[in-house]
Each structure stands twice: as C-alpha cells, then as structure tokens.
Amino acid sequence: MTVATAHPSLQEFETTARADGYTEVLTREWLPLAVLDTHSHPFDARALVVRGELWLTVGTGADQHTRHIAAGQRFELARNTPHDERYGSDGATFWVARRSD
C-alpha cells in the first residue's frame, strides 16, 4: 500500500518561508512543454511543485546537472545560479518564496 504525503497549504508554505527570511511568495504556473533557456535570478528561491513536473538543469559546463522534480517535491536555488527549466506535457504549478537581501 502506498500512502501519499500531503504537502503543506500555501499559507503554511508562506508562513514557514517568511520565518526563514523569505520576503515574497508567489504562485507560478507554466504551460505544457515550456522551456526557459539558461538564466539566473537576483534572489534566493525555495519552491514546492504542487502540480505537474519539470526538469531543472543547474550550473554550466562540467558542473551542470539535471534534476527531475514532480508534484510534492521541493527545490532551492541560490541567487545568481545559472539554470534552465523544461516543463512536462501537463505544465506545472509551483509556489516559490524569494529572498533578496
């Protein structure tokens, strides 16, 4: 028997993120098969995928690695980290907390 682990509510996610110093929480939705080429952000990001899936490729050259992230899983990116994103056939929705200072 497989027991599904429930993820926190958006309010719980935001409360925890703010307690950890994140100042902004957003819901991001991506279309099916969307691709974002290599880019970076001027903020730290902590995210929880709540629907769909993505492949997150972090780094460049020999230091590059790709991670498959599905609904219920989390990821974090430090500010200015080069990465690209590729979304699955159903797109994806995730909650992301941002910390700029």
PDB file of N, CA and C in Angstrom:
ATOM      1  N   MET A   1       0.844  -1.177   0.000  1.00  0.00           N
ATOM      2  CA  MET A   1       0.000   0.000   0.000  1.00  0.00           C
ATOM      3  C   MET A   1       0.890   1.241   0.000  1.00  0.00           C
ATOM      4  N   THR A   2       0.560   2.193  -0.863  1.00  0.00           N
ATOM      5  CA  THR A   2       1.291   3.448  -0.931  1.00  0.00           C
ATOM      6  C   THR A   2       0.478   4.543  -0.263  1.00  0.00           C
ATOM      7  N   VAL A   3       1.103   5.267   0.622  1.00  0.00           N
ATOM      8  CA  VAL A   3       0.431   6.360   1.311  1.00  0.00           C
ATOM      9  C   VAL A   3       0.978   7.673   0.757  1.00  0.00           C
ATOM     10  N   ALA A   4       0.099   8.504   0.240  1.00  0.00           N
ATOM     11  CA  ALA A   4       0.517   9.800  -0.298  1.00  0.00           C
ATOM     12  C   ALA A   4       0.807  10.757   0.852  1.00  0.00           C
ATOM     13  N   THR A   5       1.880  11.492   0.713  1.00  0.00           N
ATOM     14  CA  THR A   5       2.218  12.503   1.709  1.00  0.00           C
ATOM     15  C   THR A   5       1.648  13.838   1.248  1.00  0.00           C
ATOM     16  N   ALA A   6       0.814  14.424   2.062  1.00  0.00           N
ATOM     17  CA  ALA A   6       0.199  15.707   1.706  1.00  0.00           C
ATOM     18  C   ALA A   6       1.224  16.819   1.876  1.00  0.00           C
ATOM     19  N   HIS A   7       1.237  17.727   0.917  1.00  0.00           N
ATOM     20  CA  HIS A   7       2.126  18.875   1.059  1.00  0.00           C
ATOM     21  C   HIS A   7       1.411  19.947   1.875  1.00  0.00           C
ATOM     22  N   PRO A   8       2.151  20.912   2.397  1.00  0.00           N
ATOM     23  CA  PRO A   8       1.518  21.965   3.197  1.00  0.00           C
ATOM     24  C   PRO A   8       0.590  22.815   2.335  1.00  0.00           C
ATOM     25  N   SER A   9      -0.275  23.556   2.983  1.00  0.00           N
ATOM     26  CA  SER A   9      -1.107  24.522   2.261  1.00  0.00           C
ATOM     27  C   SER A   9      -0.218  25.694   1.847  1.00  0.00           C
ATOM     28  N   LEU A  10      -0.721  26.514   0.936  1.00  0.00           N
ATOM     29  CA  LEU A  10       0.025  27.708   0.529  1.00  0.00           C
ATOM     30  C   LEU A  10       0.299  28.595   1.739  1.00  0.00           C
ATOM     31  N   GLN A  11      -0.676  28.724   2.621  1.00  0.00           N
ATOM     32  CA  GLN A  11      -0.488  29.555   3.816  1.00  0.00           C
ATOM     33  C   GLN A  11       0.627  28.994   4.701  1.00  0.00           C
ATOM     34  N   GLU A  12       0.660  27.676   4.880  1.00  0.00           N
ATOM     35  CA  GLU A  12       1.721  27.060   5.685  1.00  0.00           C
ATOM     36  C   GLU A  12       3.089  27.242   5.023  1.00  0.00           C
ATOM     37  N   PHE A  13       3.128  27.075   3.702  1.00  0.00           N
ATOM     38  CA  PHE A  13       4.369  27.273   2.954  1.00  0.00           C
ATOM     39  C   PHE A  13       4.874  28.703   3.153  1.00  0.00           C
ATOM     40  N   GLU A  14       3.962  29.666   3.022  1.00  0.00           N
ATOM     41  CA  GLU A  14       4.339  31.074   3.167  1.00  0.00           C
ATOM     42  C   GLU A  14       4.796  31.387   4.589  1.00  0.00           C
ATOM     43  N   THR A  15       4.091  30.882   5.591  1.00  0.00           N
ATOM     44  CA  THR A  15       4.459  31.128   6.989  1.00  0.00           C
ATOM     45  C   THR A  15       5.868  30.621   7.276  1.00  0.00           C
ATOM     46  N   THR A  16       6.165  29.407   6.825  1.00  0.00           N
ATOM     47  CA  THR A  16       7.495  28.832   7.035  1.00  0.00           C
ATOM     48  C   THR A  16       8.560  29.628   6.290  1.00  0.00           C
ATOM     49  N   ALA A  17       8.262  29.979   5.040  1.00  0.00           N
ATOM     50  CA  ALA A  17       9.232  30.735   4.238  1.00  0.00           C
ATOM     51  C   ALA A  17       9.537  32.089   4.878  1.00  0.00           C
ATOM     52  N   ARG A  18       8.513  32.780   5.320  1.00  0.00           N
ATOM     53  CA  ARG A  18       8.731  34.098   5.939  1.00  0.00           C
ATOM     54  C   ARG A  18       9.523  33.967   7.240  1.00  0.00           C
ATOM     55  N   ALA A  19       9.272  32.905   8.001  1.00  0.00           N
ATOM     56  CA  ALA A  19      10.037  32.672   9.229  1.00  0.00           C
ATOM     57  C   ALA A  19      11.513  32.424   8.916  1.00  0.00           C
ATOM     58  N   ASP A  20      11.791  31.915   7.713  1.00  0.00           N
ATOM     59  CA  ASP A  20      13.165  31.650   7.285  1.00  0.00           C
ATOM     60  C   ASP A  20      13.792  32.830   6.540  1.00  0.00           C
ATOM     61  N   GLY A  21      13.109  33.970   6.539  1.00  0.00           N
ATOM     62  CA  GLY A  21      13.681  35.176   5.959  1.00  0.00           C
ATOM     63  C   GLY A  21      13.308  35.480   4.523  1.00  0.00           C
ATOM     64  N   TYR A  22      12.436  34.677   3.931  1.00  0.00           N
ATOM     65  CA  TYR A  22      11.963  34.968   2.574  1.00  0.00           C
ATOM     66  C   TYR A  22      10.904  36.064   2.666  1.00  0.00           C
ATOM     67  N   THR A  23      10.931  36.997   1.721  1.00  0.00           N
ATOM     68  CA  THR A  23      10.074  38.178   1.822  1.00  0.00           C
ATOM     69  C   THR A  23       8.924  38.203   0.832  1.00  0.00           C
ATOM     70  N   GLU A  24       8.915  37.289  -0.111  1.00  0.00           N
ATOM     71  CA  GLU A  24       7.881  37.282  -1.146  1.00  0.00           C
ATOM     72  C   GLU A  24       7.526  35.840  -1.469  1.00  0.00           C
ATOM     73  N   VAL A  25       6.233  35.551  -1.619  1.00  0.00           N
ATOM     74  CA  VAL A  25       5.778  34.215  -2.007  1.00  0.00           C
ATOM     75  C   VAL A  25       4.808  34.369  -3.170  1.00  0.00           C
ATOM     76  N   LEU A  26       5.069  33.620  -4.236  1.00  0.00           N
ATOM     77  CA  LEU A  26       4.262  33.695  -5.451  1.00  0.00           C
ATOM     78  C   LEU A  26       3.818  32.309  -5.895  1.00  0.00           C
ATOM     79  N   THR A  27       2.732  32.260  -6.649  1.00  0.00           N
ATOM     80  CA  THR A  27       2.338  31.049  -7.353  1.00  0.00           C
ATOM     81  C   THR A  27       2.743  31.232  -8.805  1.00  0.00           C
ATOM     82  N   ARG A  28       3.512  30.296  -9.341  1.00  0.00           N
ATOM     83  CA  ARG A  28       3.959  30.354 -10.741  1.00  0.00           C
ATOM     84  C   ARG A  28       3.330  29.192 -11.494  1.00  0.00           C
ATOM     85  N   GLU A  29       2.779  29.476 -12.644  1.00  0.00           N
ATOM     86  CA  GLU A  29       2.172  28.444 -13.490  1.00  0.00           C
ATOM     87  C   GLU A  29       2.854  28.451 -14.840  1.00  0.00           C
ATOM     88  N   TRP A  30       3.185  27.261 -15.336  1.00  0.00           N
ATOM     89  CA  TRP A  30       3.893  27.126 -16.602  1.00  0.00           C
ATOM     90  C   TRP A  30       3.094  26.252 -17.556  1.00  0.00           C
ATOM     91  N   LEU A  31       3.074  26.643 -18.810  1.00  0.00           N
ATOM     92  CA  LEU A  31       2.353  25.909 -19.847  1.00  0.00           C
ATOM     93  C   LEU A  31       3.038  24.586 -20.168  1.00  0.00           C
ATOM     94  N   PRO A  32       2.279  23.635 -20.726  1.00  0.00           N
ATOM     95  CA  PRO A  32       2.878  22.366 -21.138  1.00  0.00           C
ATOM     96  C   PRO A  32       4.063  22.582 -22.081  1.00  0.00           C
ATOM     97  N   LEU A  33       5.109  21.833 -21.817  1.00  0.00           N
ATOM     98  CA  LEU A  33       6.309  21.792 -22.655  1.00  0.00           C
ATOM     99  C   LEU A  33       7.058  23.125 -22.748  1.00  0.00           C
ATOM    100  N   ALA A  34       6.791  24.033 -21.820  1.00  0.00           N
ATOM    101  CA  ALA A  34       7.519  25.311 -21.795  1.00  0.00           C
ATOM    102  C   ALA A  34       9.001  25.057 -21.516  1.00  0.00           C
ATOM    103  N   VAL A  35       9.850  25.864 -22.133  1.00  0.00           N
ATOM    104  CA  VAL A  35      11.298  25.776 -21.942  1.00  0.00           C
ATOM    105  C   VAL A  35      11.825  27.172 -21.650  1.00  0.00           C
ATOM    106  N   LEU A  36      12.579  27.305 -20.573  1.00  0.00           N
ATOM    107  CA  LEU A  36      13.253  28.561 -20.247  1.00  0.00           C
ATOM    108  C   LEU A  36      14.746  28.309 -20.363  1.00  0.00           C
ATOM    109  N   ASP A  37      15.375  28.960 -21.321  1.00  0.00           N
ATOM    110  CA  ASP A  37      16.810  28.793 -21.527  1.00  0.00           C
ATOM    111  C   ASP A  37      17.585  29.300 -20.313  1.00  0.00           C
ATOM    112  N   THR A  38      18.872  29.046 -20.309  1.00  0.00           N
ATOM    113  CA  THR A  38      19.720  29.377 -19.167  1.00  0.00           C
ATOM    114  C   THR A  38      19.573  30.846 -18.767  1.00  0.00           C
ATOM    115  N   HIS A  39      19.328  31.029 -17.476  1.00  0.00           N
ATOM    116  CA  HIS A  39      19.146  32.354 -16.892  1.00  0.00           C
ATOM    117  C   HIS A  39      19.463  32.260 -15.403  1.00  0.00           C
ATOM    118  N   SER A  40      19.418  33.377 -14.714  1.00  0.00           N
ATOM    119  CA  SER A  40      19.602  33.390 -13.258  1.00  0.00           C
ATOM    120  C   SER A  40      18.699  34.466 -12.680  1.00  0.00           C
ATOM    121  N   HIS A  41      18.605  34.483 -11.357  1.00  0.00           N
ATOM    122  CA  HIS A  41      17.757  35.452 -10.661  1.00  0.00           C
ATOM    123  C   HIS A  41      18.576  36.165  -9.587  1.00  0.00           C
ATOM    124  N   PRO A  42      18.247  37.421  -9.282  1.00  0.00           N
ATOM    125  CA  PRO A  42      18.971  38.156  -8.242  1.00  0.00           C
ATOM    126  C   PRO A  42      18.417  37.885  -6.841  1.00  0.00           C
ATOM    127  N   PHE A  43      17.822  36.722  -6.635  1.00  0.00           N
ATOM    128  CA  PHE A  43      17.242  36.359  -5.342  1.00  0.00           C
ATOM    129  C   PHE A  43      17.417  34.867  -5.108  1.00  0.00           C
ATOM    130  N   ASP A  44      17.405  34.464  -3.823  1.00  0.00           N
ATOM    131  CA  ASP A  44      17.349  33.051  -3.461  1.00  0.00           C
ATOM    132  C   ASP A  44      15.916  32.588  -3.673  1.00  0.00           C
ATOM    133  N   ALA A  45      15.745  31.350  -4.102  1.00  0.00           N
ATOM    134  CA  ALA A  45      14.405  30.815  -4.332  1.00  0.00           C
ATOM    135  C   ALA A  45      14.253  29.465  -3.639  1.00  0.00           C
ATOM    136  N   ARG A  46      13.098  29.280  -3.035  1.00  0.00           N
ATOM    137  CA  ARG A  46      12.704  27.998  -2.439  1.00  0.00           C
ATOM    138  C   ARG A  46      11.329  27.695  -3.008  1.00  0.00           C
ATOM    139  N   ALA A  47      11.147  26.515  -3.591  1.00  0.00           N
ATOM    140  CA  ALA A  47       9.884  26.224  -4.270  1.00  0.00           C
ATOM    141  C   ALA A  47       9.355  24.840  -3.927  1.00  0.00           C
ATOM    142  N   LEU A  48       8.038  24.723  -4.035  1.00  0.00           N
ATOM    143  CA  LEU A  48       7.331  23.456  -3.877  1.00  0.00           C
ATOM    144  C   LEU A  48       6.447  23.278  -5.103  1.00  0.00           C
ATOM    145  N   VAL A  49       6.680  22.200  -5.848  1.00  0.00           N
ATOM    146  CA  VAL A  49       5.859  21.902  -7.021  1.00  0.00           C
ATOM    147  C   VAL A  49       4.549  21.297  -6.525  1.00  0.00           C
ATOM    148  N   VAL A  50       3.429  21.890  -6.927  1.00  0.00           N
ATOM    149  CA  VAL A  50       2.125  21.407  -6.464  1.00  0.00           C
ATOM    150  C   VAL A  50       1.321  20.741  -7.581  1.00  0.00           C
ATOM    151  N   ARG A  51       1.773  20.891  -8.837  1.00  0.00           N
ATOM    152  CA  ARG A  51       1.114  20.228  -9.960  1.00  0.00           C
ATOM    153  C   ARG A  51       2.116  20.095 -11.093  1.00  0.00           C
ATOM    154  N   GLY A  52       2.099  18.952 -11.760  1.00  0.00           N
ATOM    155  CA  GLY A  52       2.948  18.756 -12.925  1.00  0.00           C
ATOM    156  C   GLY A  52       4.372  18.374 -12.566  1.00  0.00           C
ATOM    157  N   GLU A  53       5.281  18.670 -13.512  1.00  0.00           N
ATOM    158  CA  GLU A  53       6.677  18.295 -13.330  1.00  0.00           C
ATOM    159  C   GLU A  53       7.569  19.205 -14.162  1.00  0.00           C
ATOM    160  N   LEU A  54       8.849  19.229 -13.778  1.00  0.00           N
ATOM    161  CA  LEU A  54       9.842  19.962 -14.544  1.00  0.00           C
ATOM    162  C   LEU A  54      11.192  19.296 -14.404  1.00  0.00           C
ATOM    163  N   TRP A  55      12.071  19.652 -15.334  1.00  0.00           N
ATOM    164  CA  TRP A  55      13.466  19.255 -15.278  1.00  0.00           C
ATOM    165  C   TRP A  55      14.254  20.530 -15.093  1.00  0.00           C
ATOM    166  N   LEU A  56      14.999  20.600 -14.007  1.00  0.00           N
ATOM    167  CA  LEU A  56      15.779  21.780 -13.649  1.00  0.00           C
ATOM    168  C   LEU A  56      17.251  21.455 -13.860  1.00  0.00           C
ATOM    169  N   THR A  57      17.883  22.175 -14.760  1.00  0.00           N
ATOM    170  CA  THR A  57      19.308  21.990 -15.024  1.00  0.00           C
ATOM    171  C   THR A  57      20.048  23.160 -14.399  1.00  0.00           C
ATOM    172  N   VAL A  58      20.981  22.838 -13.512  1.00  0.00           N
ATOM    173  CA  VAL A  58      21.708  23.848 -12.745  1.00  0.00           C
ATOM    174  C   VAL A  58      23.181  23.797 -13.120  1.00  0.00           C
ATOM    175  N   GLY A  59      23.786  24.973 -13.212  1.00  0.00           N
ATOM    176  CA  GLY A  59      25.210  25.060 -13.491  1.00  0.00           C
ATOM    177  C   GLY A  59      25.502  25.159 -14.973  1.00  0.00           C
ATOM    178  N   THR A  60      26.779  25.173 -15.289  1.00  0.00           N
ATOM    179  CA  THR A  60      27.220  25.256 -16.678  1.00  0.00           C
ATOM    180  C   THR A  60      28.399  24.315 -16.886  1.00  0.00           C
ATOM    181  N   GLY A  61      28.608  23.921 -18.120  1.00  0.00           N
ATOM    182  CA  GLY A  61      29.760  23.091 -18.463  1.00  0.00           C
ATOM    183  C   GLY A  61      29.815  21.792 -17.684  1.00  0.00           C
ATOM    184  N   ALA A  62      31.008  21.454 -17.189  1.00  0.00           N
ATOM    185  CA  ALA A  62      31.224  20.197 -16.475  1.00  0.00           C
ATOM    186  C   ALA A  62      30.477  20.145 -15.145  1.00  0.00           C
ATOM    187  N   ASP A  63      30.092  21.302 -14.608  1.00  0.00           N
ATOM    188  CA  ASP A  63      29.385  21.352 -13.324  1.00  0.00           C
ATOM    189  C   ASP A  63      27.871  21.258 -13.481  1.00  0.00           C
ATOM    190  N   GLN A  64      27.389  21.029 -14.691  1.00  0.00           N
ATOM    191  CA  GLN A  64      25.952  21.022 -14.962  1.00  0.00           C
ATOM    192  C   GLN A  64      25.319  19.695 -14.538  1.00  0.00           C
ATOM    193  N   HIS A  65      24.142  19.775 -13.912  1.00  0.00           N
ATOM    194  CA  HIS A  65      23.380  18.565 -13.586  1.00  0.00           C
ATOM    195  C   HIS A  65      21.889  18.865 -13.694  1.00  0.00           C
ATOM    196  N   THR A  66      21.122  17.842 -14.045  1.00  0.00           N
ATOM    197  CA  THR A  66      19.682  17.988 -14.243  1.00  0.00           C
ATOM    198  C   THR A  66      18.944  17.153 -13.210  1.00  0.00           C
ATOM    199  N   ARG A  67      17.895  17.721 -12.681  1.00  0.00           N
ATOM    200  CA  ARG A  67      17.063  17.046 -11.674  1.00  0.00           C
ATOM    201  C   ARG A  67      15.614  17.059 -12.141  1.00  0.00           C
ATOM    202  N   HIS A  68      14.962  15.914 -12.077  1.00  0.00           N
ATOM    203  CA  HIS A  68      13.529  15.819 -12.374  1.00  0.00           C
ATOM    204  C   HIS A  68      12.780  16.111 -11.078  1.00  0.00           C
ATOM    205  N   ILE A  69      11.829  17.040 -11.137  1.00  0.00           N
ATOM    206  CA  ILE A  69      11.094  17.451  -9.941  1.00  0.00           C
ATOM    207  C   ILE A  69       9.609  17.322 -10.233  1.00  0.00           C
ATOM    208  N   ALA A  70       8.915  16.514  -9.449  1.00  0.00           N
ATOM    209  CA  ALA A  70       7.494  16.242  -9.653  1.00  0.00           C
ATOM    210  C   ALA A  70       6.670  16.857  -8.530  1.00  0.00           C
ATOM    211  N   ALA A  71       5.361  16.838  -8.719  1.00  0.00           N
ATOM    212  CA  ALA A  71       4.439  17.378  -7.714  1.00  0.00           C
ATOM    213  C   ALA A  71       4.751  16.784  -6.345  1.00  0.00           C
ATOM    214  N   GLY A  72       4.799  17.662  -5.340  1.00  0.00           N
ATOM    215  CA  GLY A  72       5.108  17.252  -3.976  1.00  0.00           C
ATOM    216  C   GLY A  72       6.576  17.401  -3.619  1.00  0.00           C
ATOM    217  N   GLN A  73       7.420  17.664  -4.617  1.00  0.00           N
ATOM    218  CA  GLN A  73       8.851  17.809  -4.361  1.00  0.00           C
ATOM    219  C   GLN A  73       9.249  19.284  -4.325  1.00  0.00           C
ATOM    220  N   ARG A  74      10.363  19.541  -3.663  1.00  0.00           N
ATOM    221  CA  ARG A  74      10.860  20.903  -3.470  1.00  0.00           C
ATOM    222  C   ARG A  74      12.208  21.075  -4.161  1.00  0.00           C
ATOM    223  N   PHE A  75      12.541  22.345  -4.402  1.00  0.00           N
ATOM    224  CA  PHE A  75      13.890  22.672  -4.853  1.00  0.00           C
ATOM    225  C   PHE A  75      14.254  24.058  -4.345  1.00  0.00           C
ATOM    226  N   GLU A  76      15.553  24.297  -4.243  1.00  0.00           N
ATOM    227  CA  GLU A  76      16.066  25.604  -3.841  1.00  0.00           C
ATOM    228  C   GLU A  76      17.169  26.012  -4.802  1.00  0.00           C
ATOM    229  N   LEU A  77      17.245  27.298  -5.074  1.00  0.00           N
ATOM    230  CA  LEU A  77      18.299  27.863  -5.910  1.00  0.00           C
ATOM    231  C   LEU A  77      18.857  29.098  -5.221  1.00  0.00           C
ATOM    232  N   ALA A  78      20.163  29.160  -5.116  1.00  0.00           N
ATOM    233  CA  ALA A  78      20.800  30.367  -4.592  1.00  0.00           C
ATOM    234  C   ALA A  78      20.764  31.451  -5.664  1.00  0.00           C
ATOM    235  N   ARG A  79      20.715  32.699  -5.236  1.00  0.00           N
ATOM    236  CA  ARG A  79      20.700  33.817  -6.193  1.00  0.00           C
ATOM    237  C   ARG A  79      21.882  33.710  -7.154  1.00  0.00           C
ATOM    238  N   ASN A  80      21.646  34.182  -8.361  1.00  0.00           N
ATOM    239  CA  ASN A  80      22.653  34.230  -9.429  1.00  0.00           C
ATOM    240  C   ASN A  80      23.157  32.863  -9.884  1.00  0.00           C
ATOM    241  N   THR A  81      22.412  31.798  -9.592  1.00  0.00           N
ATOM    242  CA  THR A  81      22.779  30.462 -10.052  1.00  0.00           C
ATOM    243  C   THR A  81      22.251  30.245 -11.469  1.00  0.00           C
ATOM    244  N   PRO A  82      23.123  29.998 -12.447  1.00  0.00           N
ATOM    245  CA  PRO A  82      22.643  29.728 -13.802  1.00  0.00           C
ATOM    246  C   PRO A  82      21.834  28.424 -13.823  1.00  0.00           C
ATOM    247  N   HIS A  83      20.696  28.473 -14.481  1.00  0.00           N
ATOM    248  CA  HIS A  83      19.849  27.281 -14.577  1.00  0.00           C
ATOM    249  C   HIS A  83      18.913  27.415 -15.768  1.00  0.00           C
ATOM    250  N   ASP A  84      18.386  26.268 -16.222  1.00  0.00           N
ATOM    251  CA  ASP A  84      17.310  26.308 -17.199  1.00  0.00           C
ATOM    252  C   ASP A  84      16.214  25.372 -16.738  1.00  0.00           C
ATOM    253  N   GLU A  85      15.030  25.576 -17.284  1.00  0.00           N
ATOM    254  CA  GLU A  85      13.837  24.850 -16.852  1.00  0.00           C
ATOM    255  C   GLU A  85      13.124  24.289 -18.073  1.00  0.00           C
ATOM    256  N   ARG A  86      12.686  23.038 -17.948  1.00  0.00           N
ATOM    257  CA  ARG A  86      11.904  22.398 -19.002  1.00  0.00           C
ATOM    258  C   ARG A  86      10.704  21.736 -18.328  1.00  0.00           C
ATOM    259  N   TYR A  87       9.514  22.056 -18.793  1.00  0.00           N
ATOM    260  CA  TYR A  87       8.284  21.587 -18.155  1.00  0.00           C
ATOM    261  C   TYR A  87       7.680  20.421 -18.915  1.00  0.00           C
ATOM    262  N   GLY A  88       6.961  19.562 -18.199  1.00  0.00           N
ATOM    263  CA  GLY A  88       6.374  18.364 -18.774  1.00  0.00           C
ATOM    264  C   GLY A  88       5.134  18.633 -19.612  1.00  0.00           C
ATOM    265  N   SER A  89       4.533  17.564 -20.088  1.00  0.00           N
ATOM    266  CA  SER A  89       3.400  17.653 -21.014  1.00  0.00           C
ATOM    267  C   SER A  89       2.147  18.240 -20.374  1.00  0.00           C
ATOM    268  N   ASP A  90       2.102  18.300 -19.052  1.00  0.00           N
ATOM    269  CA  ASP A  90       0.965  18.913 -18.360  1.00  0.00           C
ATOM    270  C   ASP A  90       1.309  20.290 -17.799  1.00  0.00           C
ATOM    271  N   GLY A  91       2.500  20.799 -18.093  1.00  0.00           N
ATOM    272  CA  GLY A  91       2.918  22.055 -17.491  1.00  0.00           C
ATOM    273  C   GLY A  91       3.211  21.844 -16.013  1.00  0.00           C
ATOM    274  N   ALA A  92       3.194  22.910 -15.252  1.00  0.00           N
ATOM    275  CA  ALA A  92       3.458  22.794 -13.816  1.00  0.00           C
ATOM    276  C   ALA A  92       2.994  24.049 -13.094  1.00  0.00           C
ATOM    277  N   THR A  93       2.705  23.854 -11.816  1.00  0.00           N
ATOM    278  CA  THR A  93       2.425  24.956 -10.900  1.00  0.00           C
ATOM    279  C   THR A  93       3.320  24.756  -9.694  1.00  0.00           C
ATOM    280  N   PHE A  94       3.990  25.825  -9.279  1.00  0.00           N
ATOM    281  CA  PHE A  94       4.736  25.733  -8.029  1.00  0.00           C
ATOM    282  C   PHE A  94       4.626  27.028  -7.252  1.00  0.00           C
ATOM    283  N   TRP A  95       4.796  26.888  -5.949  1.00  0.00           N
ATOM    284  CA  TRP A  95       4.857  28.041  -5.060  1.00  0.00           C
ATOM    285  C   TRP A  95       6.329  28.346  -4.867  1.00  0.00           C
ATOM    286  N   VAL A  96       6.679  29.605  -4.965  1.00  0.00           N
ATOM    287  CA  VAL A  96       8.081  29.976  -4.805  1.00  0.00           C
ATOM    288  C   VAL A  96       8.207  31.131  -3.817  1.00  0.00           C
ATOM    289  N   ALA A  97       9.129  30.959  -2.887  1.00  0.00           N
ATOM    290  CA  ALA A  97       9.472  32.015  -1.937  1.00  0.00           C
ATOM    291  C   ALA A  97      10.778  32.637  -2.407  1.00  0.00           C
ATOM    292  N   ARG A  98      10.855  33.964  -2.330  1.00  0.00           N
ATOM    293  CA  ARG A  98      12.042  34.689  -2.787  1.00  0.00           C
ATOM    294  C   ARG A  98      12.650  35.492  -1.641  1.00  0.00           C
ATOM    295  N   ARG A  99      13.983  35.508  -1.616  1.00  0.00           N
ATOM    296  CA  ARG A  99      14.719  36.287  -0.607  1.00  0.00           C
ATOM    297  C   ARG A  99      15.799  37.079  -1.332  1.00  0.00           C
ATOM    298  N   SER A 100      15.712  38.403  -1.254  1.00  0.00           N
ATOM    299  CA  SER A 100      16.641  39.260  -1.997  1.00  0.00           C
ATOM    300  C   SER A 100      17.760  39.840  -1.153  1.00  0.00           C
ATOM    301  N   ASP A 101      17.607  39.883   0.153  1.00  0.00           N
ATOM    302  CA  ASP A 101      18.635  40.534   0.976  1.00  0.00           C
ATOM    303  C   ASP A 101      19.611  39.565   1.567  1.00  0.00           C
TER     304      ASP A 101
END
